[in-house]
Protein backbone atom coordinates (compact mmCIF):
# COMPACT_ATOMS: atom_id res chain seq x y z
CA ARG A 1 85.23 91.27 -61.55
CA PRO A 2 83.74 88.27 -59.63
CA ALA A 3 86.23 89.02 -56.50
CA GLN A 4 84.94 92.50 -55.86
CA ALA A 5 81.50 91.55 -56.52
CA LEU A 6 81.37 88.70 -53.94
CA ALA A 7 83.15 91.63 -51.37
CA GLU A 8 80.64 94.31 -52.19
CA GLU A 9 77.87 91.33 -50.94
CA ALA A 10 79.70 90.24 -47.89
CA GLU A 11 79.90 93.58 -45.78
CA GLY A 12 78.78 93.09 -43.20
CA ALA A 13 78.40 89.57 -43.01
CA ALA A 14 78.78 87.10 -40.23
CA LEU A 15 80.92 84.39 -42.22
CA LEU A 16 81.59 84.42 -46.04
CA VAL A 17 82.08 80.95 -47.09
CA VAL A 18 83.70 79.63 -50.22
CA GLY A 19 84.63 76.60 -52.08
CA SER A 20 87.34 76.15 -53.33
CA HIS A 21 89.18 73.84 -56.44
CA GLY A 22 92.56 73.04 -55.00
CA HIS A 23 93.86 73.83 -58.34
CA GLY A 24 97.43 74.90 -57.39
CA ALA A 25 99.60 77.88 -57.79
CA VAL A 26 100.63 78.35 -61.07
CA ARG A 27 96.76 78.26 -62.10
CA ARG A 28 95.59 80.11 -58.86
CA ALA A 29 99.02 82.81 -60.99
CA LEU A 30 98.03 82.65 -64.50
CA LEU A 31 93.90 82.81 -64.34
CA GLY A 32 93.41 84.01 -60.36
CA SER A 33 90.96 83.12 -58.03
CA VAL A 34 88.11 83.94 -56.23
CA SER A 35 88.65 82.17 -52.74
CA HIS A 36 92.32 84.08 -53.64
CA ALA A 37 91.55 87.06 -53.75
CA MET A 38 88.70 86.43 -50.68
CA LEU A 39 92.01 85.27 -48.65
CA HIS A 40 93.03 88.14 -49.48
CA HIS A 41 90.48 90.55 -48.97
CA ALA A 42 87.27 89.75 -47.63
CA PRO A 43 85.70 92.17 -45.31
CA CYS A 44 84.40 90.45 -41.94
CA PRO A 45 85.66 85.76 -41.59
CA LEU A 46 85.93 83.62 -43.89
CA ALA A 47 85.74 79.79 -44.54
CA LEU A 48 87.81 78.33 -47.26
CA VAL A 49 86.46 75.11 -47.22
CA ARG A 50 88.71 73.04 -50.51
CA GLY A 51 87.11 70.38 -52.07
CA ASP A 52 88.22 66.84 -52.99
CA GLY A 53 87.88 66.39 -56.82
CA SER A 54 85.28 63.69 -56.02
CA GLU A 55 82.28 65.66 -57.36
CA HIS A 56 84.11 64.93 -61.11
């Protein structure tokens, strides 16, 4: 599971920076979201960066 692996790697980190596509609540509920999981379970301070969609 990506979120669990990321949390394990972030143990002891000063800051974890995670990007978010901003897909919305319905898609997150159906597919899950690493950034959403990290928001609730990060073992260190978290910076969540939301993309503006211009890269697609």
